[in-house]
């Protein structure tokens, strides 16, 4: 796992799970990938977690880019 356990990181993790289950999971591709990318931005913003782009976990990049 390349994501930490801070309050903000746990908030982002929880938010991404909820967003995926309620908004993205049942969409067809490519809409699902786009939805997941938007969810990353929303969750990072809502949780007040704005790491440097160099600190974003590598597992997030493909999802954030809608791939």
PDB file of N, CA and C in Angstrom:
ATOM      1  N   UNK A   1       0.849  -1.172   0.000  1.00  0.00           N
ATOM      2  CA  UNK A   1       0.000   0.000   0.000  1.00  0.00           C
ATOM      3  C   UNK A   1       0.895   1.235   0.000  1.00  0.00           C
ATOM      4  N   UNK A   2       0.576   2.203  -0.824  1.00  0.00           N
ATOM      5  CA  UNK A   2       1.419   3.389  -0.900  1.00  0.00           C
ATOM      6  C   UNK A   2       0.690   4.625  -0.396  1.00  0.00           C
ATOM      7  N   UNK A   3      -0.346   4.431   0.395  1.00  0.00           N
ATOM      8  CA  UNK A   3      -1.110   5.549   0.941  1.00  0.00           C
ATOM      9  C   UNK A   3      -1.019   5.459   2.445  1.00  0.00           C
ATOM     10  N   UNK A   4      -0.772   6.579   3.117  1.00  0.00           N
ATOM     11  CA  UNK A   4      -0.555   6.577   4.558  1.00  0.00           C
ATOM     12  C   UNK A   4      -1.822   6.432   5.371  1.00  0.00           C
ATOM     13  N   UNK A   5      -1.692   6.712   6.656  1.00  0.00           N
ATOM     14  CA  UNK A   5      -2.797   6.527   7.599  1.00  0.00           C
ATOM     15  C   UNK A   5      -3.144   7.807   8.344  1.00  0.00           C
ATOM     16  N   UNK A   6      -2.826   8.968   7.805  1.00  0.00           N
ATOM     17  CA  UNK A   6      -3.164  10.218   8.493  1.00  0.00           C
ATOM     18  C   UNK A   6      -4.669  10.456   8.422  1.00  0.00           C
ATOM     19  N   UNK A   7      -5.147  11.402   9.201  1.00  0.00           N
ATOM     20  CA  UNK A   7      -6.567  11.761   9.210  1.00  0.00           C
ATOM     21  C   UNK A   7      -7.031  12.133   7.801  1.00  0.00           C
ATOM     22  N   UNK A   8      -6.254  12.945   7.114  1.00  0.00           N
ATOM     23  CA  UNK A   8      -6.626  13.389   5.776  1.00  0.00           C
ATOM     24  C   UNK A   8      -6.604  12.242   4.773  1.00  0.00           C
ATOM     25  N   UNK A   9      -5.585  11.408   4.862  1.00  0.00           N
ATOM     26  CA  UNK A   9      -5.482  10.271   3.943  1.00  0.00           C
ATOM     27  C   UNK A   9      -6.625   9.280   4.157  1.00  0.00           C
ATOM     28  N   UNK A  10      -7.002   9.054   5.404  1.00  0.00           N
ATOM     29  CA  UNK A  10      -8.134   8.175   5.678  1.00  0.00           C
ATOM     30  C   UNK A  10      -9.433   8.784   5.164  1.00  0.00           C
ATOM     31  N   UNK A  11      -9.565  10.095   5.266  1.00  0.00           N
ATOM     32  CA  UNK A  11     -10.732  10.794   4.729  1.00  0.00           C
ATOM     33  C   UNK A  11     -10.812  10.600   3.215  1.00  0.00           C
ATOM     34  N   UNK A  12      -9.687  10.783   2.529  1.00  0.00           N
ATOM     35  CA  UNK A  12      -9.652  10.610   1.074  1.00  0.00           C
ATOM     36  C   UNK A  12     -10.021   9.176   0.714  1.00  0.00           C
ATOM     37  N   UNK A  13      -9.455   8.225   1.407  1.00  0.00           N
ATOM     38  CA  UNK A  13      -9.726   6.813   1.128  1.00  0.00           C
ATOM     39  C   UNK A  13     -11.225   6.523   1.269  1.00  0.00           C
ATOM     40  N   UNK A  14     -11.799   6.969   2.379  1.00  0.00           N
ATOM     41  CA  UNK A  14     -13.223   6.753   2.650  1.00  0.00           C
ATOM     42  C   UNK A  14     -14.079   7.431   1.574  1.00  0.00           C
ATOM     43  N   UNK A  15     -13.746   8.667   1.238  1.00  0.00           N
ATOM     44  CA  UNK A  15     -14.472   9.432   0.231  1.00  0.00           C
ATOM     45  C   UNK A  15     -14.421   8.735  -1.127  1.00  0.00           C
ATOM     46  N   UNK A  16     -13.243   8.246  -1.513  1.00  0.00           N
ATOM     47  CA  UNK A  16     -13.114   7.572  -2.809  1.00  0.00           C
ATOM     48  C   UNK A  16     -13.972   6.308  -2.878  1.00  0.00           C
ATOM     49  N   UNK A  17     -14.035   5.583  -1.799  1.00  0.00           N
ATOM     50  CA  UNK A  17     -14.862   4.372  -1.765  1.00  0.00           C
ATOM     51  C   UNK A  17     -16.329   4.734  -1.929  1.00  0.00           C
ATOM     52  N   UNK A  18     -16.785   5.740  -1.190  1.00  0.00           N
ATOM     53  CA  UNK A  18     -18.183   6.157  -1.277  1.00  0.00           C
ATOM     54  C   UNK A  18     -18.499   6.684  -2.670  1.00  0.00           C
ATOM     55  N   UNK A  19     -17.640   7.537  -3.204  1.00  0.00           N
ATOM     56  CA  UNK A  19     -17.865   8.084  -4.540  1.00  0.00           C
ATOM     57  C   UNK A  19     -17.933   6.973  -5.580  1.00  0.00           C
ATOM     58  N   UNK A  20     -17.046   6.005  -5.457  1.00  0.00           N
ATOM     59  CA  UNK A  20     -17.044   4.922  -6.432  1.00  0.00           C
ATOM     60  C   UNK A  20     -18.329   4.106  -6.333  1.00  0.00           C
ATOM     61  N   UNK A  21     -18.733   3.780  -5.118  1.00  0.00           N
ATOM     62  CA  UNK A  21     -19.928   2.959  -4.931  1.00  0.00           C
ATOM     63  C   UNK A  21     -21.206   3.683  -5.342  1.00  0.00           C
ATOM     64  N   UNK A  22     -21.266   4.991  -5.130  1.00  0.00           N
ATOM     65  CA  UNK A  22     -22.510   5.717  -5.379  1.00  0.00           C
ATOM     66  C   UNK A  22     -22.565   6.413  -6.734  1.00  0.00           C
ATOM     67  N   UNK A  23     -21.409   6.717  -7.316  1.00  0.00           N
ATOM     68  CA  UNK A  23     -21.412   7.525  -8.538  1.00  0.00           C
ATOM     69  C   UNK A  23     -20.772   6.856  -9.754  1.00  0.00           C
ATOM     70  N   UNK A  24     -19.750   6.065  -9.548  1.00  0.00           N
ATOM     71  CA  UNK A  24     -18.907   5.644 -10.677  1.00  0.00           C
ATOM     72  C   UNK A  24     -19.009   4.175 -11.071  1.00  0.00           C
ATOM     73  N   UNK A  25     -19.166   3.300 -10.121  1.00  0.00           N
ATOM     74  CA  UNK A  25     -18.991   1.861 -10.353  1.00  0.00           C
ATOM     75  C   UNK A  25     -19.867   1.296 -11.465  1.00  0.00           C
ATOM     76  N   UNK A  26     -21.051   1.832 -11.635  1.00  0.00           N
ATOM     77  CA  UNK A  26     -21.985   1.244 -12.600  1.00  0.00           C
ATOM     78  C   UNK A  26     -22.005   1.960 -13.943  1.00  0.00           C
ATOM     79  N   UNK A  27     -21.137   2.933 -14.106  1.00  0.00           N
ATOM     80  CA  UNK A  27     -21.050   3.626 -15.391  1.00  0.00           C
ATOM     81  C   UNK A  27     -20.241   2.794 -16.379  1.00  0.00           C
ATOM     82  N   UNK A  28     -20.558   2.891 -17.656  1.00  0.00           N
ATOM     83  CA  UNK A  28     -19.738   2.203 -18.659  1.00  0.00           C
ATOM     84  C   UNK A  28     -18.448   2.984 -18.881  1.00  0.00           C
ATOM     85  N   UNK A  29     -17.431   2.297 -19.378  1.00  0.00           N
ATOM     86  CA  UNK A  29     -16.199   2.995 -19.776  1.00  0.00           C
ATOM     87  C   UNK A  29     -16.496   3.766 -21.059  1.00  0.00           C
ATOM     88  N   UNK A  30     -15.944   4.912 -21.290  1.00  0.00           N
ATOM     89  CA  UNK A  30     -14.915   5.601 -20.501  1.00  0.00           C
ATOM     90  C   UNK A  30     -15.486   6.488 -19.404  1.00  0.00           C
ATOM     91  N   UNK A  31     -16.804   6.553 -19.266  1.00  0.00           N
ATOM     92  CA  UNK A  31     -17.406   7.435 -18.251  1.00  0.00           C
ATOM     93  C   UNK A  31     -16.975   7.058 -16.843  1.00  0.00           C
ATOM     94  N   UNK A  32     -16.788   5.760 -16.583  1.00  0.00           N
ATOM     95  CA  UNK A  32     -16.376   5.327 -15.248  1.00  0.00           C
ATOM     96  C   UNK A  32     -15.007   5.895 -14.897  1.00  0.00           C
ATOM     97  N   UNK A  33     -14.068   5.819 -15.821  1.00  0.00           N
ATOM     98  CA  UNK A  33     -12.721   6.347 -15.569  1.00  0.00           C
ATOM     99  C   UNK A  33     -12.732   7.846 -15.351  1.00  0.00           C
ATOM    100  N   UNK A  34     -13.528   8.545 -16.132  1.00  0.00           N
ATOM    101  CA  UNK A  34     -13.639  10.002 -15.975  1.00  0.00           C
ATOM    102  C   UNK A  34     -14.251  10.330 -14.618  1.00  0.00           C
ATOM    103  N   UNK A  35     -15.286   9.595 -14.243  1.00  0.00           N
ATOM    104  CA  UNK A  35     -15.934   9.796 -12.944  1.00  0.00           C
ATOM    105  C   UNK A  35     -14.940   9.569 -11.806  1.00  0.00           C
ATOM    106  N   UNK A  36     -14.143   8.532 -11.912  1.00  0.00           N
ATOM    107  CA  UNK A  36     -13.157   8.238 -10.862  1.00  0.00           C
ATOM    108  C   UNK A  36     -12.082   9.311 -10.798  1.00  0.00           C
ATOM    109  N   UNK A  37     -11.703   9.849 -11.935  1.00  0.00           N
ATOM    110  CA  UNK A  37     -10.740  10.954 -11.937  1.00  0.00           C
ATOM    111  C   UNK A  37     -11.296  12.169 -11.227  1.00  0.00           C
ATOM    112  N   UNK A  38     -12.548  12.505 -11.534  1.00  0.00           N
ATOM    113  CA  UNK A  38     -13.203  13.640 -10.868  1.00  0.00           C
ATOM    114  C   UNK A  38     -13.354  13.376  -9.375  1.00  0.00           C
ATOM    115  N   UNK A  39     -13.634  12.133  -9.004  1.00  0.00           N
ATOM    116  CA  UNK A  39     -13.778  11.785  -7.586  1.00  0.00           C
ATOM    117  C   UNK A  39     -12.473  12.018  -6.833  1.00  0.00           C
ATOM    118  N   UNK A  40     -11.346  11.716  -7.467  1.00  0.00           N
ATOM    119  CA  UNK A  40     -10.062  11.971  -6.816  1.00  0.00           C
ATOM    120  C   UNK A  40      -9.894  13.452  -6.500  1.00  0.00           C
ATOM    121  N   UNK A  41     -10.181  14.288  -7.466  1.00  0.00           N
ATOM    122  CA  UNK A  41     -10.046  15.740  -7.247  1.00  0.00           C
ATOM    123  C   UNK A  41     -10.989  16.180  -6.139  1.00  0.00           C
ATOM    124  N   UNK A  42     -12.253  15.747  -6.204  1.00  0.00           N
ATOM    125  CA  UNK A  42     -13.255  16.123  -5.199  1.00  0.00           C
ATOM    126  C   UNK A  42     -12.829  15.676  -3.804  1.00  0.00           C
ATOM    127  N   UNK A  43     -12.408  14.427  -3.697  1.00  0.00           N
ATOM    128  CA  UNK A  43     -12.072  13.890  -2.376  1.00  0.00           C
ATOM    129  C   UNK A  43     -10.817  14.536  -1.794  1.00  0.00           C
ATOM    130  N   UNK A  44      -9.814  14.749  -2.629  1.00  0.00           N
ATOM    131  CA  UNK A  44      -8.617  15.438  -2.140  1.00  0.00           C
ATOM    132  C   UNK A  44      -8.998  16.834  -1.654  1.00  0.00           C
ATOM    133  N   UNK A  45      -9.840  17.517  -2.407  1.00  0.00           N
ATOM    134  CA  UNK A  45     -10.260  18.875  -2.041  1.00  0.00           C
ATOM    135  C   UNK A  45     -11.101  18.857  -0.764  1.00  0.00           C
ATOM    136  N   UNK A  46     -12.140  18.020  -0.742  1.00  0.00           N
ATOM    137  CA  UNK A  46     -13.057  17.968   0.404  1.00  0.00           C
ATOM    138  C   UNK A  46     -12.353  17.583   1.695  1.00  0.00           C
ATOM    139  N   UNK A  47     -11.315  16.771   1.604  1.00  0.00           N
ATOM    140  CA  UNK A  47     -10.616  16.304   2.801  1.00  0.00           C
ATOM    141  C   UNK A  47      -9.441  17.205   3.188  1.00  0.00           C
ATOM    142  N   UNK A  48      -9.234  18.270   2.423  1.00  0.00           N
ATOM    143  CA  UNK A  48      -8.144  19.184   2.745  1.00  0.00           C
ATOM    144  C   UNK A  48      -6.784  18.545   2.616  1.00  0.00           C
ATOM    145  N   UNK A  49      -6.676  17.621   1.682  1.00  0.00           N
ATOM    146  CA  UNK A  49      -5.422  16.899   1.500  1.00  0.00           C
ATOM    147  C   UNK A  49      -4.894  17.244   0.123  1.00  0.00           C
ATOM    148  N   UNK A  50      -3.906  18.086   0.078  1.00  0.00           N
ATOM    149  CA  UNK A  50      -3.365  18.537  -1.206  1.00  0.00           C
ATOM    150  C   UNK A  50      -1.862  18.308  -1.233  1.00  0.00           C
ATOM    151  N   UNK A  51      -1.462  17.062  -1.444  1.00  0.00           N
ATOM    152  CA  UNK A  51      -0.030  16.805  -1.503  1.00  0.00           C
ATOM    153  C   UNK A  51       0.569  17.364  -2.781  1.00  0.00           C
ATOM    154  N   UNK A  52       1.844  17.510  -2.780  1.00  0.00           N
ATOM    155  CA  UNK A  52       2.556  17.859  -3.999  1.00  0.00           C
ATOM    156  C   UNK A  52       2.274  16.764  -5.019  1.00  0.00           C
ATOM    157  N   UNK A  53       2.230  17.109  -6.302  1.00  0.00           N
ATOM    158  CA  UNK A  53       2.027  16.051  -7.312  1.00  0.00           C
ATOM    159  C   UNK A  53       3.054  14.920  -7.193  1.00  0.00           C
ATOM    160  N   UNK A  54       4.216  15.229  -6.658  1.00  0.00           N
ATOM    161  CA  UNK A  54       5.246  14.210  -6.484  1.00  0.00           C
ATOM    162  C   UNK A  54       4.923  13.266  -5.328  1.00  0.00           C
ATOM    163  N   UNK A  55       4.005  13.683  -4.435  1.00  0.00           N
ATOM    164  CA  UNK A  55       3.647  12.866  -3.279  1.00  0.00           C
ATOM    165  C   UNK A  55       2.357  12.074  -3.476  1.00  0.00           C
ATOM    166  N   UNK A  56       1.666  12.276  -4.599  1.00  0.00           N
ATOM    167  CA  UNK A  56       0.437  11.528  -4.857  1.00  0.00           C
ATOM    168  C   UNK A  56       0.823  10.071  -5.110  1.00  0.00           C
ATOM    169  N   UNK A  57       0.150   9.138  -4.429  1.00  0.00           N
ATOM    170  CA  UNK A  57       0.497   7.732  -4.603  1.00  0.00           C
ATOM    171  C   UNK A  57       0.449   7.311  -6.068  1.00  0.00           C
ATOM    172  N   UNK A  58       1.406   6.524  -6.470  1.00  0.00           N
ATOM    173  CA  UNK A  58       1.494   6.100  -7.871  1.00  0.00           C
ATOM    174  C   UNK A  58       0.255   5.345  -8.324  1.00  0.00           C
ATOM    175  N   UNK A  59      -0.416   4.672  -7.411  1.00  0.00           N
ATOM    176  CA  UNK A  59      -1.626   3.930  -7.782  1.00  0.00           C
ATOM    177  C   UNK A  59      -2.784   4.853  -8.142  1.00  0.00           C
ATOM    178  N   UNK A  60      -2.704   6.117  -7.746  1.00  0.00           N
ATOM    179  CA  UNK A  60      -3.787   7.064  -8.038  1.00  0.00           C
ATOM    180  C   UNK A  60      -3.678   7.671  -9.437  1.00  0.00           C
ATOM    181  N   UNK A  61      -2.479   7.786  -9.960  1.00  0.00           N
ATOM    182  CA  UNK A  61      -2.300   8.486 -11.238  1.00  0.00           C
ATOM    183  C   UNK A  61      -3.130   7.919 -12.381  1.00  0.00           C
ATOM    184  N   UNK A  62      -3.133   6.608 -12.630  1.00  0.00           N
ATOM    185  CA  UNK A  62      -3.933   6.106 -13.750  1.00  0.00           C
ATOM    186  C   UNK A  62      -5.430   6.411 -13.564  1.00  0.00           C
ATOM    187  N   UNK A  63      -5.911   6.302 -12.335  1.00  0.00           N
ATOM    188  CA  UNK A  63      -7.325   6.573 -12.074  1.00  0.00           C
ATOM    189  C   UNK A  63      -7.629   8.053 -12.268  1.00  0.00           C
ATOM    190  N   UNK A  64      -6.758   8.904 -11.739  1.00  0.00           N
ATOM    191  CA  UNK A  64      -6.986  10.351 -11.856  1.00  0.00           C
ATOM    192  C   UNK A  64      -6.964  10.797 -13.318  1.00  0.00           C
ATOM    193  N   UNK A  65      -6.231  10.086 -14.139  1.00  0.00           N
ATOM    194  CA  UNK A  65      -6.147  10.440 -15.547  1.00  0.00           C
ATOM    195  C   UNK A  65      -7.212   9.730 -16.388  1.00  0.00           C
ATOM    196  N   UNK A  66      -8.125   9.035 -15.720  1.00  0.00           N
ATOM    197  CA  UNK A  66      -9.226   8.384 -16.402  1.00  0.00           C
ATOM    198  C   UNK A  66      -8.824   7.159 -17.190  1.00  0.00           C
ATOM    199  N   UNK A  67      -7.818   6.465 -16.737  1.00  0.00           N
ATOM    200  CA  UNK A  67      -7.346   5.260 -17.443  1.00  0.00           C
ATOM    201  C   UNK A  67      -7.714   4.007 -16.721  1.00  0.00           C
TER     202      UNK A  67
END
